[in-house]
Protein backbone atom coordinates (compact mmCIF):
# COMPACT_ATOMS: atom_id res chain seq x y z
CA UNK A 1 20.34 -136.93 72.32
CA UNK A 2 18.75 -133.86 70.78
CA UNK A 3 20.62 -130.63 70.24
CA UNK A 4 18.80 -129.18 73.24
CA UNK A 5 20.15 -131.75 75.71
CA UNK A 6 23.85 -131.25 76.31
CA UNK A 7 26.17 -134.22 76.67
CA UNK A 8 28.13 -133.43 79.82
CA UNK A 9 31.72 -134.61 80.29
CA UNK A 10 34.70 -133.71 82.44
CA UNK A 11 35.82 -131.48 79.54
CA UNK A 12 32.72 -129.24 79.61
CA UNK A 13 31.38 -129.76 83.18
CA UNK A 14 32.80 -126.57 84.67
CA UNK A 15 31.67 -124.32 81.80
CA UNK A 16 28.23 -125.88 81.17
CA UNK A 17 27.21 -126.61 84.77
CA UNK A 18 29.29 -124.83 87.39
CA UNK A 19 29.64 -121.50 85.54
CA UNK A 20 26.17 -121.40 83.97
CA UNK A 21 24.14 -118.26 84.60
CA UNK A 22 20.96 -120.37 84.26
CA UNK A 23 19.68 -123.27 86.36
CA UNK A 24 21.07 -126.60 85.12
CA UNK A 25 19.22 -129.93 85.28
CA UNK A 26 21.66 -132.83 85.08
CA UNK A 27 20.43 -136.37 84.40
CA UNK A 28 22.99 -138.85 85.73
CA UNK A 29 22.29 -142.01 83.70
CA UNK A 30 23.79 -145.25 82.41
CA UNK A 31 23.26 -147.18 79.17
CA UNK A 32 22.29 -150.33 81.11
CA UNK A 33 19.68 -148.56 83.26
CA UNK A 34 16.05 -149.34 82.34
CA UNK A 35 14.48 -146.43 84.28
CA UNK A 36 17.02 -144.09 82.62
CA UNK A 37 15.71 -145.14 79.21
CA UNK A 38 12.15 -144.45 80.36
CA UNK A 39 13.17 -141.00 81.61
CA UNK A 40 15.11 -139.99 78.47
CA UNK A 41 12.12 -138.73 76.41
CA UNK A 42 10.91 -136.69 79.41
CA UNK A 43 14.34 -135.08 79.77
CA UNK A 44 14.20 -134.22 76.03
CA UNK A 45 10.77 -132.61 76.50
CA UNK A 46 11.99 -130.60 79.50
CA UNK A 47 14.96 -129.36 77.44
CA UNK A 48 12.54 -128.11 74.79
CA UNK A 49 10.16 -126.57 77.31
CA UNK A 50 12.96 -124.68 79.08
CA UNK A 51 15.08 -123.77 76.03
CA UNK A 52 16.75 -120.43 76.70
CA UNK A 53 15.66 -120.43 80.37
CA UNK A 54 17.59 -123.42 81.75
CA UNK A 55 20.29 -125.83 80.66
CA UNK A 56 19.45 -129.53 80.48
CA UNK A 57 22.23 -132.09 80.24
CA UNK A 58 22.95 -135.78 80.62
CA UNK A 59 26.02 -137.32 82.18
CA UNK A 60 26.88 -140.99 81.52
CA UNK A 61 28.05 -142.23 84.93
CA UNK A 62 30.13 -145.04 83.41
CA UNK A 63 32.01 -142.74 81.03
CA UNK A 64 32.31 -139.90 83.57
CA UNK A 65 32.64 -141.80 86.85
CA UNK A 66 34.82 -139.17 88.53
CA UNK A 67 32.04 -136.56 88.33
CA UNK A 68 29.40 -139.06 89.46
CA UNK A 69 31.56 -139.97 92.46
CA UNK A 70 32.15 -136.31 93.31
CA UNK A 71 28.39 -135.84 93.74
CA UNK A 72 27.79 -139.17 95.50
CA UNK A 73 25.67 -140.64 92.71
CA UNK A 74 24.82 -144.22 93.70
CA UNK A 75 21.48 -144.87 91.97
CA UNK A 76 20.33 -144.16 88.45
CA UNK A 77 18.72 -142.10 87.29
CA UNK A 78 19.62 -139.28 89.65
CA UNK A 79 18.64 -135.75 88.71
CA UNK A 80 20.45 -132.78 90.21
CA UNK A 81 19.60 -129.13 89.70
CA UNK A 82 22.54 -126.76 89.93
CA UNK A 83 22.30 -123.03 90.40
CA UNK A 84 25.31 -120.80 90.86
CA UNK A 85 27.53 -123.89 90.68
CA UNK A 86 25.85 -125.57 93.65
CA UNK A 87 23.36 -128.44 93.93
CA UNK A 88 19.99 -126.98 94.95
CA UNK A 89 17.64 -129.93 94.20
CA UNK A 90 17.98 -133.70 93.93
CA UNK A 91 15.64 -136.46 92.77
CA UNK A 92 16.43 -140.16 92.53
CA UNK A 93 14.54 -142.47 90.20
CA UNK A 94 12.37 -141.99 87.14
CA UNK A 95 9.88 -139.21 87.80
CA UNK A 96 6.92 -137.77 85.89
CA UNK A 97 7.41 -134.70 83.73
CA UNK A 98 5.36 -132.53 86.10
CA UNK A 99 7.81 -133.18 88.92
CA UNK A 100 10.82 -132.23 86.76
CA UNK A 101 9.02 -129.14 85.51
CA UNK A 102 8.36 -128.10 89.11
CA UNK A 103 12.07 -128.39 89.90
CA UNK A 104 12.98 -125.86 87.24
CA UNK A 105 9.93 -123.59 87.04
CA UNK A 106 10.62 -121.17 89.87
CA UNK A 107 14.36 -121.15 89.35
CA UNK A 108 14.17 -120.46 85.61
CA UNK A 109 11.56 -117.75 86.13
CA UNK A 110 13.68 -115.99 88.77
CA UNK A 111 16.76 -115.95 86.54
CA UNK A 112 14.89 -114.74 83.47
CA UNK A 113 12.65 -112.15 85.17
């Protein structure tokens, strides 16, 4: 994981996701998940593209199962966008970069206007 993608855990979830003043893209993933591995470089690119405008993080569902259960995560990868501590967008499955960019574009622009 690059320095731009935050590793999310129960210890930093509230501060990094729920209390963030920026939109937060969370990649719920697992080490055994093939599509998650395919999506990882795209998530890294998104983190670079949105540096300073949005937070991008990854949550290992096996290591942080309580958070995954709280949000009803049943398939990996699942991507949630949080704004103001609430889920505002959800995608399930590996998606192209353009689709992830679209999720954050308007939200990041509104916050940073």
